[in-house]
Amino acid sequence: MHSRKYTYCLICEKTSLNDKDTVQTYGLLLRVQTVLGSFTEKKICDISTHKEFVEYIRQRLNQYQAEPIHFPCLIEDFLAQEWDWLQEKSEQR
């Protein structure tokens, strides 16, 4: 049985809103490391415009070594909580 390590990495992209305006968005890239090497498994772009929120997701996915098959569903679950997370962060400041 091969051991695998999952590393979720923050990615940043500029997304066009229209012909003139762009916005910075953040997503995650999943890299899988095995005894045979490292490769990119999945990438989800444009998760949020809030870098700190996507960084929070990245930390949790790395901490719990979330399996690649669950990656899209976990992102949806986190996004369902984004507003509450942002409110909580603003109250802490």
Protein backbone atom coordinates (compact mmCIF):
# COMPACT_ATOMS: atom_id res chain seq x y z
CA MET A 1 0.00 0.00 0.00
CA HIS A 2 1.39 3.38 -1.01
CA SER A 3 1.41 6.26 1.42
CA ARG A 4 0.03 9.55 0.11
CA LYS A 5 0.35 13.08 1.39
CA TYR A 6 -2.11 15.74 0.27
CA THR A 7 -1.00 19.36 0.11
CA TYR A 8 -3.56 22.05 -0.60
CA CYS A 9 -1.96 25.24 -1.98
CA LEU A 10 -3.39 28.74 -2.27
CA ILE A 11 -3.69 30.07 -5.82
CA CYS A 12 -4.48 33.60 -6.91
CA GLU A 13 -6.03 34.70 -10.20
CA LYS A 14 -7.48 37.82 -11.72
CA THR A 15 -11.05 37.35 -12.87
CA SER A 16 -12.78 39.68 -15.33
CA LEU A 17 -16.02 41.23 -14.18
CA ASN A 18 -16.55 43.01 -17.48
CA ASP A 19 -14.40 44.56 -20.23
CA LYS A 20 -12.75 47.04 -17.84
CA ASP A 21 -12.78 45.64 -14.31
CA THR A 22 -11.01 42.67 -12.79
CA VAL A 23 -11.04 41.27 -9.29
CA GLN A 24 -8.49 39.17 -7.42
CA THR A 25 -9.88 35.74 -6.56
CA TYR A 26 -8.41 32.89 -4.58
CA GLY A 27 -8.67 29.16 -5.02
CA LEU A 28 -6.92 25.96 -4.07
CA LEU A 29 -4.69 23.52 -5.88
CA LEU A 30 -4.31 19.98 -4.58
CA ARG A 31 -0.93 18.32 -4.93
CA VAL A 32 -0.57 14.63 -4.13
CA GLN A 33 2.77 13.23 -3.08
CA THR A 34 3.44 9.50 -3.28
CA VAL A 35 6.58 7.41 -3.12
CA LEU A 36 6.64 7.68 -6.93
CA GLY A 37 6.59 11.49 -6.98
CA SER A 38 4.33 14.50 -6.78
CA PHE A 39 1.52 15.51 -9.12
CA THR A 40 -1.40 17.91 -9.32
CA GLU A 41 -4.68 16.18 -8.66
CA LYS A 42 -7.35 18.89 -8.69
CA LYS A 43 -7.75 22.64 -8.80
CA ILE A 44 -10.71 24.78 -7.78
CA CYS A 45 -10.48 28.42 -8.83
CA ASP A 46 -12.52 31.44 -7.74
CA ILE A 47 -13.51 30.12 -4.32
CA SER A 48 -13.62 33.61 -2.83
CA THR A 49 -12.29 37.13 -3.09
CA HIS A 50 -11.38 36.87 0.61
CA LYS A 51 -7.81 35.54 0.78
CA GLU A 52 -7.97 35.00 4.55
CA PHE A 53 -11.05 32.79 4.17
CA VAL A 54 -9.45 30.60 1.49
CA GLU A 55 -6.30 30.39 3.61
CA TYR A 56 -8.49 29.19 6.50
CA ILE A 57 -9.94 26.46 4.25
CA ARG A 58 -6.46 25.50 3.05
CA GLN A 59 -5.20 25.10 6.60
CA ARG A 60 -8.12 22.86 7.57
CA LEU A 61 -7.82 20.64 4.49
CA ASN A 62 -4.08 20.20 5.08
CA GLN A 63 -4.55 19.60 8.80
CA TYR A 64 -7.07 16.81 8.24
CA GLN A 65 -5.45 15.47 5.03
CA ALA A 66 -8.79 15.61 3.22
CA GLU A 67 -9.09 12.99 0.50
CA PRO A 68 -9.24 14.34 -3.09
CA ILE A 69 -12.63 12.77 -3.73
CA HIS A 70 -14.13 15.00 -1.00
CA PHE A 71 -12.42 18.21 -2.14
CA PRO A 72 -15.34 19.74 -4.16
CA CYS A 73 -17.95 18.87 -1.51
CA LEU A 74 -15.81 20.28 1.29
CA ILE A 75 -15.38 23.54 -0.63
CA GLU A 76 -19.17 23.76 -1.01
CA ASP A 77 -19.59 23.16 2.73
CA PHE A 78 -17.07 25.89 3.59
CA LEU A 79 -18.72 28.31 1.15
CA ALA A 80 -22.06 27.76 2.85
CA GLN A 81 -20.40 29.11 6.02
CA GLU A 82 -18.43 31.99 4.46
CA TRP A 83 -20.79 34.77 5.56
CA ASP A 84 -20.81 33.54 9.18
CA TRP A 85 -17.02 33.20 9.14
CA LEU A 86 -16.60 36.76 7.80
CA GLN A 87 -19.01 38.14 10.42
CA GLU A 88 -17.14 36.35 13.20
CA LYS A 89 -13.79 37.70 11.94
CA SER A 90 -15.10 41.28 11.77
CA GLU A 91 -16.43 41.05 15.35
CA GLN A 92 -12.99 39.90 16.58
CA ARG A 93 -11.33 43.06 15.22
